[in-house]
Amino acid sequence: MSKIPVRPYLVSKDSDGRFRVTVRTTRFNSQNYPLVTSILIEEIFATATAAKNYIRSEYAAVAADIATT
């Protein structure tokens, strides 16, 4: 597993062309190994911009915290 930090928010496109948001939290075990937990938000967005705006307003995230696929 990579030691590169995971961005806490992921915007991805599903098979129907809609955008979903995943909230990821990272914690470290006693050997400093990263453990990432992902939670898919149920809300669906028509565009990636709408999803990013939701993340910024609900979670007070900055652009550097958001990853896209």
C-alpha atoms as a PDB file:
ATOM      1  CA  MET A   1       0.000   0.000   0.000  1.00  0.00           C
ATOM      2  CA  SER A   2       1.176   3.467  -0.820  1.00  0.00           C
ATOM      3  CA  LYS A   3       2.245   5.917   1.888  1.00  0.00           C
ATOM      4  CA  ILE A   4       0.826   8.783  -0.210  1.00  0.00           C
ATOM      5  CA  PRO A   5      -2.054  10.393   1.712  1.00  0.00           C
ATOM      6  CA  VAL A   6      -5.544   9.739   0.368  1.00  0.00           C
ATOM      7  CA  ARG A   7      -7.696  12.775  -0.360  1.00  0.00           C
ATOM      8  CA  PRO A   8     -10.716  12.705   1.955  1.00  0.00           C
ATOM      9  CA  TYR A   9     -13.371  13.242  -0.747  1.00  0.00           C
ATOM     10  CA  LEU A  10     -13.766  11.350  -4.027  1.00  0.00           C
ATOM     11  CA  VAL A  11     -16.103  12.339  -6.876  1.00  0.00           C
ATOM     12  CA  SER A  12     -16.670   9.478  -9.313  1.00  0.00           C
ATOM     13  CA  LYS A  13     -18.986   8.767 -12.230  1.00  0.00           C
ATOM     14  CA  ASP A  14     -21.203   5.674 -11.987  1.00  0.00           C
ATOM     15  CA  SER A  15     -22.264   3.417 -14.871  1.00  0.00           C
ATOM     16  CA  ASP A  16     -25.324   5.604 -15.593  1.00  0.00           C
ATOM     17  CA  GLY A  17     -23.235   8.751 -16.033  1.00  0.00           C
ATOM     18  CA  ARG A  18     -24.260  10.303 -12.720  1.00  0.00           C
ATOM     19  CA  PHE A  19     -21.776  11.515 -10.130  1.00  0.00           C
ATOM     20  CA  ARG A  20     -21.398  10.139  -6.603  1.00  0.00           C
ATOM     21  CA  VAL A  21     -19.413  11.348  -3.595  1.00  0.00           C
ATOM     22  CA  THR A  22     -17.345   9.084  -1.348  1.00  0.00           C
ATOM     23  CA  VAL A  23     -16.081  10.336   2.009  1.00  0.00           C
ATOM     24  CA  ARG A  24     -12.825   8.671   3.054  1.00  0.00           C
ATOM     25  CA  THR A  25     -11.176   8.725   6.467  1.00  0.00           C
ATOM     26  CA  THR A  26      -7.629   7.607   7.114  1.00  0.00           C
ATOM     27  CA  ARG A  27      -6.252   6.381  10.405  1.00  0.00           C
ATOM     28  CA  PHE A  28      -3.001   4.628  11.211  1.00  0.00           C
ATOM     29  CA  ASN A  29      -2.383   1.413  13.118  1.00  0.00           C
ATOM     30  CA  SER A  30       0.442   0.835  15.609  1.00  0.00           C
ATOM     31  CA  GLN A  31       2.938   0.156  12.783  1.00  0.00           C
ATOM     32  CA  ASN A  32       1.962   3.465  11.120  1.00  0.00           C
ATOM     33  CA  TYR A  33       0.171   1.594   8.299  1.00  0.00           C
ATOM     34  CA  PRO A  34      -2.726   3.618   6.820  1.00  0.00           C
ATOM     35  CA  LEU A  35      -6.236   2.191   7.164  1.00  0.00           C
ATOM     36  CA  VAL A  36      -8.766   3.890   4.879  1.00  0.00           C
ATOM     37  CA  THR A  37     -12.524   3.705   5.446  1.00  0.00           C
ATOM     38  CA  SER A  38     -14.833   4.796   2.593  1.00  0.00           C
ATOM     39  CA  ILE A  39     -18.499   5.778   2.876  1.00  0.00           C
ATOM     40  CA  LEU A  40     -20.555   6.370  -0.281  1.00  0.00           C
ATOM     41  CA  ILE A  41     -23.007   9.273   0.091  1.00  0.00           C
ATOM     42  CA  GLU A  42     -26.484   8.350  -1.182  1.00  0.00           C
ATOM     43  CA  GLU A  43     -27.110  11.657  -2.936  1.00  0.00           C
ATOM     44  CA  ILE A  44     -26.659  11.606  -6.732  1.00  0.00           C
ATOM     45  CA  PHE A  45     -25.459  14.604  -8.777  1.00  0.00           C
ATOM     46  CA  ALA A  46     -25.909  15.449 -12.450  1.00  0.00           C
ATOM     47  CA  THR A  47     -22.466  17.043 -12.821  1.00  0.00           C
ATOM     48  CA  ALA A  48     -19.069  16.812 -11.140  1.00  0.00           C
ATOM     49  CA  THR A  49     -19.271  20.534 -10.365  1.00  0.00           C
ATOM     50  CA  ALA A  50     -22.521  20.020  -8.444  1.00  0.00           C
ATOM     51  CA  ALA A  51     -20.898  17.220  -6.453  1.00  0.00           C
ATOM     52  CA  LYS A  52     -17.856  19.375  -5.644  1.00  0.00           C
ATOM     53  CA  ASN A  53     -20.076  22.284  -4.590  1.00  0.00           C
ATOM     54  CA  TYR A  54     -21.963  19.915  -2.265  1.00  0.00           C
ATOM     55  CA  ILE A  55     -18.677  18.784  -0.685  1.00  0.00           C
ATOM     56  CA  ARG A  56     -17.532  22.386  -0.215  1.00  0.00           C
ATOM     57  CA  SER A  57     -20.797  23.467   1.406  1.00  0.00           C
ATOM     58  CA  GLU A  58     -21.524  20.391   3.573  1.00  0.00           C
ATOM     59  CA  TYR A  59     -17.983  19.507   4.655  1.00  0.00           C
ATOM     60  CA  ALA A  60     -16.163  22.866   4.292  1.00  0.00           C
ATOM     61  CA  ALA A  61     -13.613  21.204   2.034  1.00  0.00           C
ATOM     62  CA  VAL A  62     -11.086  22.980  -0.150  1.00  0.00           C
ATOM     63  CA  ALA A  63     -10.222  22.015  -3.718  1.00  0.00           C
ATOM     64  CA  ALA A  64      -7.057  20.196  -2.625  1.00  0.00           C
ATOM     65  CA  ASP A  65      -9.184  17.782  -0.528  1.00  0.00           C
ATOM     66  CA  ILE A  66     -11.258  16.572  -3.509  1.00  0.00           C
ATOM     67  CA  ALA A  67     -10.144  13.801  -5.864  1.00  0.00           C
ATOM     68  CA  THR A  68     -11.921  12.809  -9.091  1.00  0.00           C
ATOM     69  CA  THR A  69     -11.918   9.657 -11.189  1.00  0.00           C
END
